[in-house]
Amino acid sequence: MSVLLELGAYVGYTTTRLACHSGRQQCASLAVSLELDPIHVLMARHLLDVAKLSQQAEVWVGLSYDTQARLPETFGSTSISFTFMDHRGTQFHNDLMVLEKIKQQCSSAVYVADNVLKPGAPLFLWHFPQSLSHTTELFSMLEFLHTDAEDWMLIGHSHNTGSEVCLATA
């Protein structure tokens, strides 16, 4: 099973989009979102219920550092084909290191990190492009509803040398 991972569900919009995408994959895939705030978790789960996508997505409550430890227990190693980071930029580098340590990404995983300029993810921006196992693209974008506020989005591709293959790509 391929996992589409989201760090930071907020109210579940992206979780719902990922669940829609997971339902269209030829291989079995599941969207999993990790969220700290229990009220946001309830809202995201409710949105998934209303959209009739509860079978394609799960929203777990807790610190991303702690809940990431459940991933290999639940899905096995190298199960993540896509990771979307949209929670706290100052923690992106720590979350990436945890995912690398527990060997969760498949060899061709895709990463997307939002708001890496404002409020910022400086350590993540330094670590990710420096890694020999990733290629990185940065996109300058206007912040939603703020036509005068620039922000950056990072899209990265993993090029690990492992023999595993993603079952589905995001």
N, C-alpha and C. Protein backbone atom coordinates (compact mmCIF):
# COMPACT_ATOMS: atom_id res chain seq x y z
N MET A 1 0.84 -1.18 0.00
CA MET A 1 0.00 0.00 0.00
C MET A 1 0.88 1.24 0.00
N SER A 2 0.53 2.19 -0.82
CA SER A 2 1.23 3.46 -0.88
C SER A 2 0.52 4.48 -0.01
N VAL A 3 1.30 5.28 0.72
CA VAL A 3 0.73 6.27 1.63
C VAL A 3 1.05 7.67 1.10
N LEU A 4 0.02 8.52 1.08
CA LEU A 4 0.17 9.93 0.76
C LEU A 4 0.10 10.64 2.10
N LEU A 5 1.22 11.16 2.58
CA LEU A 5 1.33 11.70 3.93
C LEU A 5 1.21 13.21 3.93
N GLU A 6 0.41 13.73 4.86
CA GLU A 6 0.30 15.17 5.06
C GLU A 6 0.66 15.47 6.51
N LEU A 7 1.54 16.45 6.70
CA LEU A 7 1.90 16.89 8.04
C LEU A 7 1.21 18.23 8.25
N GLY A 8 0.14 18.23 9.04
CA GLY A 8 -0.64 19.43 9.30
C GLY A 8 -1.94 19.42 8.52
N ALA A 9 -3.02 18.93 9.11
CA ALA A 9 -4.30 18.82 8.41
C ALA A 9 -5.10 20.11 8.40
N TYR A 10 -4.94 20.92 9.41
CA TYR A 10 -5.78 22.09 9.64
C TYR A 10 -7.23 21.66 9.61
N VAL A 11 -8.03 22.06 8.62
CA VAL A 11 -9.44 21.66 8.61
C VAL A 11 -9.72 20.56 7.59
N GLY A 12 -8.71 20.06 6.90
CA GLY A 12 -8.89 18.89 6.06
C GLY A 12 -9.02 19.12 4.57
N TYR A 13 -8.79 20.32 4.09
CA TYR A 13 -8.94 20.55 2.65
C TYR A 13 -7.95 19.70 1.86
N THR A 14 -6.67 19.78 2.19
CA THR A 14 -5.67 19.00 1.46
C THR A 14 -5.85 17.52 1.70
N THR A 15 -6.24 17.14 2.91
CA THR A 15 -6.51 15.74 3.20
C THR A 15 -7.58 15.20 2.26
N THR A 16 -8.62 15.98 2.06
CA THR A 16 -9.71 15.59 1.16
C THR A 16 -9.21 15.47 -0.28
N ARG A 17 -8.38 16.42 -0.70
CA ARG A 17 -7.81 16.35 -2.06
C ARG A 17 -6.94 15.11 -2.23
N LEU A 18 -6.12 14.82 -1.22
CA LEU A 18 -5.28 13.62 -1.29
C LEU A 18 -6.12 12.36 -1.31
N ALA A 19 -7.20 12.33 -0.53
CA ALA A 19 -8.10 11.17 -0.51
C ALA A 19 -8.75 10.97 -1.87
N CYS A 20 -9.14 12.05 -2.51
CA CYS A 20 -9.70 11.94 -3.87
C CYS A 20 -8.66 11.34 -4.82
N HIS A 21 -7.43 11.81 -4.70
CA HIS A 21 -6.35 11.30 -5.55
C HIS A 21 -6.07 9.83 -5.27
N SER A 22 -6.08 9.45 -3.99
CA SER A 22 -5.78 8.06 -3.65
C SER A 22 -6.83 7.12 -4.19
N GLY A 23 -8.07 7.58 -4.29
CA GLY A 23 -9.13 6.75 -4.84
C GLY A 23 -9.01 6.53 -6.33
N ARG A 24 -8.24 7.36 -7.03
CA ARG A 24 -8.08 7.24 -8.48
C ARG A 24 -6.85 6.44 -8.87
N GLN A 25 -6.05 6.02 -7.90
CA GLN A 25 -4.83 5.27 -8.19
C GLN A 25 -5.16 3.84 -8.58
N GLN A 26 -4.34 3.28 -9.46
CA GLN A 26 -4.52 1.88 -9.85
C GLN A 26 -4.12 0.96 -8.71
N CYS A 27 -3.10 1.35 -7.97
CA CYS A 27 -2.66 0.58 -6.81
C CYS A 27 -3.34 1.13 -5.56
N ALA A 28 -3.42 0.32 -4.55
CA ALA A 28 -4.04 0.75 -3.30
C ALA A 28 -3.20 1.86 -2.66
N SER A 29 -3.85 2.94 -2.31
CA SER A 29 -3.16 4.01 -1.60
C SER A 29 -4.12 4.62 -0.59
N LEU A 30 -3.53 5.27 0.40
CA LEU A 30 -4.30 5.86 1.50
C LEU A 30 -3.66 7.19 1.86
N ALA A 31 -4.48 8.21 2.08
CA ALA A 31 -3.99 9.49 2.58
C ALA A 31 -3.99 9.44 4.10
N VAL A 32 -2.89 9.85 4.69
CA VAL A 32 -2.78 9.91 6.14
C VAL A 32 -2.32 11.32 6.50
N SER A 33 -3.07 11.97 7.36
CA SER A 33 -2.74 13.32 7.78
C SER A 33 -2.47 13.33 9.28
N LEU A 34 -1.41 14.01 9.67
CA LEU A 34 -1.03 14.13 11.08
C LEU A 34 -1.30 15.56 11.53
N GLU A 35 -2.07 15.71 12.60
CA GLU A 35 -2.47 17.05 13.07
C GLU A 35 -2.38 17.09 14.58
N LEU A 36 -1.87 18.18 15.10
CA LEU A 36 -1.72 18.36 16.54
C LEU A 36 -3.02 18.73 17.24
N ASP A 37 -3.80 19.62 16.67
CA ASP A 37 -5.00 20.16 17.31
C ASP A 37 -6.18 19.20 17.17
N PRO A 38 -6.74 18.68 18.29
CA PRO A 38 -7.83 17.72 18.21
C PRO A 38 -9.11 18.30 17.59
N ILE A 39 -9.34 19.60 17.72
CA ILE A 39 -10.50 20.22 17.09
C ILE A 39 -10.34 20.19 15.58
N HIS A 40 -9.14 20.49 15.10
CA HIS A 40 -8.88 20.44 13.66
C HIS A 40 -9.02 19.00 13.14
N VAL A 41 -8.60 18.04 13.93
CA VAL A 41 -8.74 16.63 13.55
C VAL A 41 -10.22 16.29 13.37
N LEU A 42 -11.05 16.71 14.32
CA LEU A 42 -12.49 16.44 14.22
C LEU A 42 -13.09 17.11 12.99
N MET A 43 -12.67 18.34 12.71
CA MET A 43 -13.19 19.04 11.53
C MET A 43 -12.76 18.33 10.25
N ALA A 44 -11.50 17.92 10.18
CA ALA A 44 -11.00 17.23 8.99
C ALA A 44 -11.72 15.89 8.80
N ARG A 45 -11.90 15.15 9.88
CA ARG A 45 -12.61 13.87 9.78
C ARG A 45 -14.06 14.08 9.34
N HIS A 46 -14.68 15.13 9.83
CA HIS A 46 -16.06 15.43 9.43
C HIS A 46 -16.12 15.77 7.94
N LEU A 47 -15.17 16.57 7.46
CA LEU A 47 -15.13 16.90 6.04
C LEU A 47 -14.96 15.65 5.19
N LEU A 48 -14.11 14.73 5.63
CA LEU A 48 -13.93 13.47 4.91
C LEU A 48 -15.22 12.65 4.91
N ASP A 49 -15.95 12.65 6.04
CA ASP A 49 -17.23 11.94 6.11
C ASP A 49 -18.24 12.55 5.14
N VAL A 50 -18.34 13.87 5.14
CA VAL A 50 -19.29 14.55 4.25
C VAL A 50 -18.96 14.26 2.79
N ALA A 51 -17.66 14.23 2.47
CA ALA A 51 -17.23 13.96 1.10
C ALA A 51 -17.24 12.47 0.76
N LYS A 52 -17.62 11.63 1.74
CA LYS A 52 -17.65 10.17 1.57
C LYS A 52 -16.27 9.62 1.17
N LEU A 53 -15.24 10.13 1.85
CA LEU A 53 -13.87 9.72 1.57
C LEU A 53 -13.17 9.12 2.79
N SER A 54 -13.93 8.74 3.80
CA SER A 54 -13.33 8.20 5.02
C SER A 54 -12.57 6.90 4.79
N GLN A 55 -12.91 6.18 3.73
CA GLN A 55 -12.21 4.93 3.43
C GLN A 55 -10.85 5.18 2.79
N GLN A 56 -10.66 6.38 2.21
CA GLN A 56 -9.41 6.69 1.52
C GLN A 56 -8.45 7.54 2.37
N ALA A 57 -8.86 7.94 3.57
CA ALA A 57 -8.00 8.83 4.36
C ALA A 57 -8.19 8.60 5.86
N GLU A 58 -7.12 8.86 6.59
CA GLU A 58 -7.14 8.83 8.05
C GLU A 58 -6.50 10.11 8.54
N VAL A 59 -7.01 10.63 9.65
CA VAL A 59 -6.42 11.81 10.29
C VAL A 59 -6.03 11.39 11.70
N TRP A 60 -4.73 11.46 11.99
CA TRP A 60 -4.22 11.05 13.29
C TRP A 60 -3.92 12.30 14.11
N VAL A 61 -4.21 12.25 15.40
CA VAL A 61 -3.97 13.38 16.28
C VAL A 61 -2.68 13.18 17.08
N GLY A 62 -1.89 14.26 17.20
CA GLY A 62 -0.67 14.22 18.00
C GLY A 62 0.44 15.00 17.32
N LEU A 63 1.55 15.13 18.01
CA LEU A 63 2.74 15.77 17.45
C LEU A 63 3.25 14.94 16.28
N SER A 64 3.65 15.59 15.22
CA SER A 64 4.12 14.84 14.05
C SER A 64 5.30 13.95 14.40
N TYR A 65 6.18 14.44 15.30
CA TYR A 65 7.33 13.65 15.71
C TYR A 65 6.89 12.32 16.32
N ASP A 66 5.86 12.36 17.16
CA ASP A 66 5.37 11.15 17.82
C ASP A 66 4.54 10.27 16.89
N THR A 67 3.65 10.87 16.12
CA THR A 67 2.75 10.07 15.29
C THR A 67 3.47 9.46 14.09
N GLN A 68 4.59 10.04 13.68
CA GLN A 68 5.35 9.43 12.58
C GLN A 68 5.84 8.04 12.95
N ALA A 69 6.06 7.80 14.24
CA ALA A 69 6.53 6.49 14.69
C ALA A 69 5.51 5.39 14.42
N ARG A 70 4.23 5.76 14.29
CA ARG A 70 3.19 4.78 13.98
C ARG A 70 3.24 4.31 12.53
N LEU A 71 3.82 5.10 11.65
CA LEU A 71 3.79 4.79 10.22
C LEU A 71 4.39 3.43 9.88
N PRO A 72 5.63 3.11 10.31
CA PRO A 72 6.16 1.79 9.95
C PRO A 72 5.40 0.65 10.60
N GLU A 73 4.86 0.88 11.79
CA GLU A 73 4.08 -0.17 12.46
C GLU A 73 2.79 -0.45 11.70
N THR A 74 2.19 0.58 11.14
CA THR A 74 0.91 0.44 10.47
C THR A 74 1.05 0.01 9.02
N PHE A 75 2.02 0.57 8.30
CA PHE A 75 2.11 0.36 6.86
C PHE A 75 3.37 -0.36 6.40
N GLY A 76 4.31 -0.61 7.30
CA GLY A 76 5.57 -1.20 6.89
C GLY A 76 6.53 -0.13 6.40
N SER A 77 7.74 -0.54 6.08
CA SER A 77 8.74 0.44 5.64
C SER A 77 8.54 0.79 4.17
N THR A 78 9.13 1.89 3.77
CA THR A 78 9.12 2.41 2.40
C THR A 78 7.71 2.49 1.81
N SER A 79 6.76 2.92 2.60
CA SER A 79 5.38 2.97 2.14
C SER A 79 4.93 4.35 1.67
N ILE A 80 5.70 5.41 1.98
CA ILE A 80 5.27 6.76 1.65
C ILE A 80 5.78 7.16 0.27
N SER A 81 4.85 7.50 -0.61
CA SER A 81 5.23 7.93 -1.95
C SER A 81 5.12 9.44 -2.12
N PHE A 82 4.42 10.11 -1.18
CA PHE A 82 4.22 11.55 -1.28
C PHE A 82 4.11 12.13 0.13
N THR A 83 4.79 13.24 0.37
CA THR A 83 4.71 13.92 1.66
C THR A 83 4.45 15.40 1.42
N PHE A 84 3.41 15.92 2.07
CA PHE A 84 3.08 17.34 1.99
C PHE A 84 3.27 17.93 3.37
N MET A 85 4.18 18.89 3.50
CA MET A 85 4.47 19.53 4.78
C MET A 85 3.83 20.91 4.80
N ASP A 86 2.89 21.09 5.70
CA ASP A 86 2.17 22.36 5.77
C ASP A 86 1.77 22.65 7.21
N HIS A 87 2.67 22.40 8.14
CA HIS A 87 2.30 22.60 9.54
C HIS A 87 3.15 23.67 10.20
N ARG A 88 4.40 23.43 10.40
CA ARG A 88 5.27 24.38 11.09
C ARG A 88 6.64 24.33 10.45
N GLY A 89 6.94 25.34 9.65
CA GLY A 89 8.18 25.35 8.87
C GLY A 89 9.43 25.14 9.68
N THR A 90 9.44 25.63 10.90
CA THR A 90 10.64 25.47 11.73
C THR A 90 10.87 24.02 12.13
N GLN A 91 9.90 23.14 11.87
CA GLN A 91 10.03 21.72 12.20
C GLN A 91 10.18 20.83 10.97
N PHE A 92 10.10 21.40 9.77
CA PHE A 92 10.18 20.59 8.55
C PHE A 92 11.45 19.74 8.51
N HIS A 93 12.59 20.32 8.86
CA HIS A 93 13.85 19.57 8.79
C HIS A 93 13.85 18.41 9.78
N ASN A 94 13.28 18.62 10.97
CA ASN A 94 13.19 17.52 11.94
C ASN A 94 12.29 16.41 11.44
N ASP A 95 11.15 16.79 10.87
CA ASP A 95 10.23 15.78 10.34
C ASP A 95 10.86 15.00 9.19
N LEU A 96 11.59 15.68 8.34
CA LEU A 96 12.27 15.01 7.24
C LEU A 96 13.30 14.02 7.78
N MET A 97 14.06 14.44 8.79
CA MET A 97 15.07 13.54 9.37
C MET A 97 14.43 12.32 10.03
N VAL A 98 13.27 12.51 10.68
CA VAL A 98 12.58 11.37 11.29
C VAL A 98 12.12 10.41 10.19
N LEU A 99 11.52 10.93 9.14
CA LEU A 99 11.06 10.06 8.05
C LEU A 99 12.24 9.31 7.41
N GLU A 100 13.37 9.98 7.28
CA GLU A 100 14.55 9.32 6.73
C GLU A 100 15.07 8.25 7.70
N LYS A 101 15.04 8.56 8.99
CA LYS A 101 15.55 7.62 9.99
C LYS A 101 14.70 6.35 10.05
N ILE A 102 13.39 6.49 9.98
CA ILE A 102 12.53 5.31 10.07
C ILE A 102 12.29 4.68 8.69
N LYS A 103 12.98 5.19 7.68
CA LYS A 103 12.98 4.63 6.32
C LYS A 103 11.56 4.45 5.78
N GLN A 104 10.81 5.52 5.78
CA GLN A 104 9.42 5.46 5.34
C GLN A 104 9.22 5.79 3.87
N GLN A 105 10.07 6.63 3.28
CA GLN A 105 9.87 7.00 1.88
C GLN A 105 10.34 5.90 0.95
N CYS A 106 9.57 5.69 -0.10
CA CYS A 106 10.03 4.77 -1.12
C CYS A 106 11.12 5.48 -1.92
N SER A 107 11.78 4.78 -2.81
CA SER A 107 12.96 5.33 -3.47
C SER A 107 12.64 6.50 -4.39
N SER A 108 11.42 6.65 -4.82
CA SER A 108 11.08 7.76 -5.72
C SER A 108 10.02 8.69 -5.11
N ALA A 109 10.11 8.90 -3.82
CA ALA A 109 9.12 9.73 -3.12
C ALA A 109 9.18 11.18 -3.57
N VAL A 110 8.03 11.85 -3.48
CA VAL A 110 7.90 13.27 -3.80
C VAL A 110 7.57 14.01 -2.52
N TYR A 111 8.20 15.17 -2.33
CA TYR A 111 7.97 16.02 -1.16
C TYR A 111 7.47 17.38 -1.64
N VAL A 112 6.51 17.92 -0.93
CA VAL A 112 6.07 19.29 -1.17
C VAL A 112 6.03 19.98 0.19
N ALA A 113 6.66 21.14 0.28
CA ALA A 113 6.65 21.92 1.52
C ALA A 113 6.13 23.32 1.20
N ASP A 114 5.11 23.73 1.92
CA ASP A 114 4.48 25.02 1.69
C ASP A 114 5.01 26.04 2.70
N ASN A 115 4.95 27.30 2.33
CA ASN A 115 5.32 28.41 3.21
C ASN A 115 6.75 28.31 3.73
N VAL A 116 7.69 27.99 2.85
CA VAL A 116 9.07 27.85 3.29
C VAL A 116 9.79 29.20 3.37
N LEU A 117 9.20 30.27 2.82
CA LEU A 117 9.78 31.59 2.96
C LEU A 117 9.16 32.33 4.15
N LYS A 118 7.84 32.33 4.22
CA LYS A 118 7.11 33.01 5.30
C LYS A 118 6.08 32.02 5.86
N PRO A 119 6.06 31.69 7.07
CA PRO A 119 6.91 32.17 8.14
C PRO A 119 8.33 31.62 8.07
N GLY A 120 8.53 30.59 7.27
CA GLY A 120 9.90 30.18 6.99
C GLY A 120 10.28 28.81 7.49
N ALA A 121 11.21 28.20 6.75
CA ALA A 121 11.77 26.90 7.09
C ALA A 121 13.25 26.91 6.71
N PRO A 122 14.06 27.77 7.35
CA PRO A 122 15.44 27.95 6.91
C PRO A 122 16.30 26.69 7.00
N LEU A 123 16.17 25.92 8.07
CA LEU A 123 16.99 24.71 8.19
C LEU A 123 16.58 23.65 7.17
N PHE A 124 15.30 23.56 6.90
CA PHE A 124 14.82 22.64 5.88
C PHE A 124 15.33 23.07 4.51
N LEU A 125 15.28 24.37 4.21
CA LEU A 125 15.78 24.87 2.92
C LEU A 125 17.27 24.63 2.77
N TRP A 126 17.99 24.59 3.87
CA TRP A 126 19.42 24.31 3.80
C TRP A 126 19.66 22.81 3.64
N HIS A 127 18.99 22.00 4.43
CA HIS A 127 19.23 20.55 4.44
C HIS A 127 18.79 19.87 3.14
N PHE A 128 17.58 20.15 2.70
CA PHE A 128 17.01 19.39 1.59
C PHE A 128 17.83 19.50 0.31
N PRO A 129 18.16 20.71 -0.17
CA PRO A 129 18.95 20.78 -1.41
C PRO A 129 20.38 20.26 -1.25
N GLN A 130 20.92 20.26 -0.02
CA GLN A 130 22.28 19.79 0.20
C GLN A 130 22.38 18.27 0.12
N SER A 131 21.25 17.60 0.30
CA SER A 131 21.24 16.14 0.30
C SER A 131 21.48 15.62 -1.11
N LEU A 132 22.35 14.65 -1.24
CA LEU A 132 22.64 14.07 -2.55
C LEU A 132 21.52 13.16 -3.03
N SER A 133 20.59 12.81 -2.13
CA SER A 133 19.53 11.89 -2.51
C SER A 133 18.24 12.61 -2.91
N HIS A 134 18.31 13.94 -3.07
CA HIS A 134 17.12 14.71 -3.44
C HIS A 134 17.43 15.70 -4.56
N THR A 135 16.46 15.93 -5.41
CA THR A 135 16.51 17.07 -6.31
C THR A 135 15.41 18.03 -5.86
N THR A 136 15.65 19.31 -6.03
CA THR A 136 14.77 20.31 -5.45
C THR A 136 14.41 21.37 -6.46
N GLU A 137 13.16 21.80 -6.41
CA GLU A 137 12.69 22.94 -7.18
C GLU A 137 11.95 23.87 -6.22
N LEU A 138 12.23 25.15 -6.31
CA LEU A 138 11.53 26.15 -5.51
C LEU A 138 10.67 27.00 -6.44
N PHE A 139 9.46 27.25 -6.00
CA PHE A 139 8.54 28.07 -6.78
C PHE A 139 8.13 29.29 -5.96
N SER A 140 8.22 30.45 -6.56
CA SER A 140 7.74 31.67 -5.94
C SER A 140 6.27 31.80 -6.25
N MET A 141 5.48 32.05 -5.23
CA MET A 141 4.03 32.13 -5.41
C MET A 141 3.50 33.30 -4.59
N LEU A 142 2.35 33.80 -5.00
CA LEU A 142 1.66 34.79 -4.20
C LEU A 142 0.83 34.06 -3.15
N GLU A 143 0.88 34.56 -1.95
CA GLU A 143 0.12 33.95 -0.85
C GLU A 143 -1.37 34.10 -1.12
N PHE A 144 -2.14 33.11 -0.77
CA PHE A 144 -3.58 33.11 -0.98
C PHE A 144 -4.22 34.35 -0.36
N LEU A 145 -4.99 35.06 -1.16
CA LEU A 145 -5.71 36.29 -0.77
C LEU A 145 -4.79 37.45 -0.40
N HIS A 146 -3.49 37.34 -0.68
CA HIS A 146 -2.55 38.42 -0.41
C HIS A 146 -1.73 38.66 -1.66
N THR A 147 -2.20 39.50 -2.54
CA THR A 147 -1.54 39.69 -3.83
C THR A 147 -0.18 40.37 -3.73
N ASP A 148 0.15 40.92 -2.57
CA ASP A 148 1.44 41.58 -2.40
C ASP A 148 2.41 40.77 -1.53
N ALA A 149 2.06 39.55 -1.17
CA ALA A 149 2.90 38.74 -0.28
C ALA A 149 3.44 37.52 -1.04
N GLU A 150 4.75 37.52 -1.26
CA GLU A 150 5.39 36.39 -1.92
C GLU A 150 5.70 35.29 -0.91
N ASP A 151 5.59 34.05 -1.34
CA ASP A 151 6.02 32.92 -0.53
C ASP A 151 6.63 31.89 -1.47
N TRP A 152 7.27 30.89 -0.91
CA TRP A 152 7.90 29.85 -1.71
C TRP A 152 7.30 28.50 -1.37
N MET A 153 7.26 27.64 -2.38
CA MET A 153 6.87 26.25 -2.21
C MET A 153 8.00 25.39 -2.76
N LEU A 154 8.41 24.41 -1.99
CA LEU A 154 9.48 23.50 -2.40
C LEU A 154 8.87 22.20 -2.87
N ILE A 155 9.35 21.72 -4.00
CA ILE A 155 8.98 20.39 -4.48
C ILE A 155 10.29 19.62 -4.63
N GLY A 156 10.36 18.50 -3.97
CA GLY A 156 11.57 17.69 -3.99
C GLY A 156 11.27 16.27 -4.39
N HIS A 157 12.25 15.66 -5.02
CA HIS A 157 12.13 14.27 -5.45
C HIS A 157 13.27 13.48 -4.83
N SER A 158 12.92 12.38 -4.23
CA SER A 158 13.92 11.51 -3.61
C SER A 158 14.53 10.61 -4.67
N HIS A 159 15.83 10.40 -4.55
CA HIS A 159 16.53 9.50 -5.46
C HIS A 159 17.37 8.54 -4.64
N ASN A 160 16.74 7.86 -3.72
CA ASN A 160 17.45 6.90 -2.87
C ASN A 160 17.90 5.73 -3.73
N THR A 161 18.90 5.04 -3.27
CA THR A 161 19.45 3.93 -4.03
C THR A 161 18.82 2.60 -3.64
N GLY A 162 17.80 2.62 -2.81
CA GLY A 162 17.14 1.38 -2.39
C GLY A 162 16.47 0.69 -3.56
N SER A 163 16.19 -0.57 -3.41
CA SER A 163 15.59 -1.34 -4.49
C SER A 163 14.07 -1.28 -4.49
N GLU A 164 13.47 -0.70 -3.45
CA GLU A 164 12.01 -0.66 -3.39
C GLU A 164 11.45 0.32 -4.42
N VAL A 165 10.25 0.10 -4.83
CA VAL A 165 9.59 0.93 -5.83
C VAL A 165 8.27 1.39 -5.24
N CYS A 166 7.90 2.63 -5.50
CA CYS A 166 6.61 3.13 -5.05
C CYS A 166 5.50 2.38 -5.76
N LEU A 167 4.49 2.02 -5.02
CA LEU A 167 3.34 1.35 -5.64
C LEU A 167 2.51 2.34 -6.42
N ALA A 168 2.44 3.56 -5.95
CA ALA A 168 1.67 4.60 -6.64
C ALA A 168 2.38 5.92 -6.42
N THR A 169 2.36 6.77 -7.39
CA THR A 169 2.99 8.07 -7.22
C THR A 169 1.93 9.14 -7.07
N ALA A 170 2.27 10.19 -6.37
CA ALA A 170 1.30 11.23 -6.08
C ALA A 170 1.04 12.13 -7.23
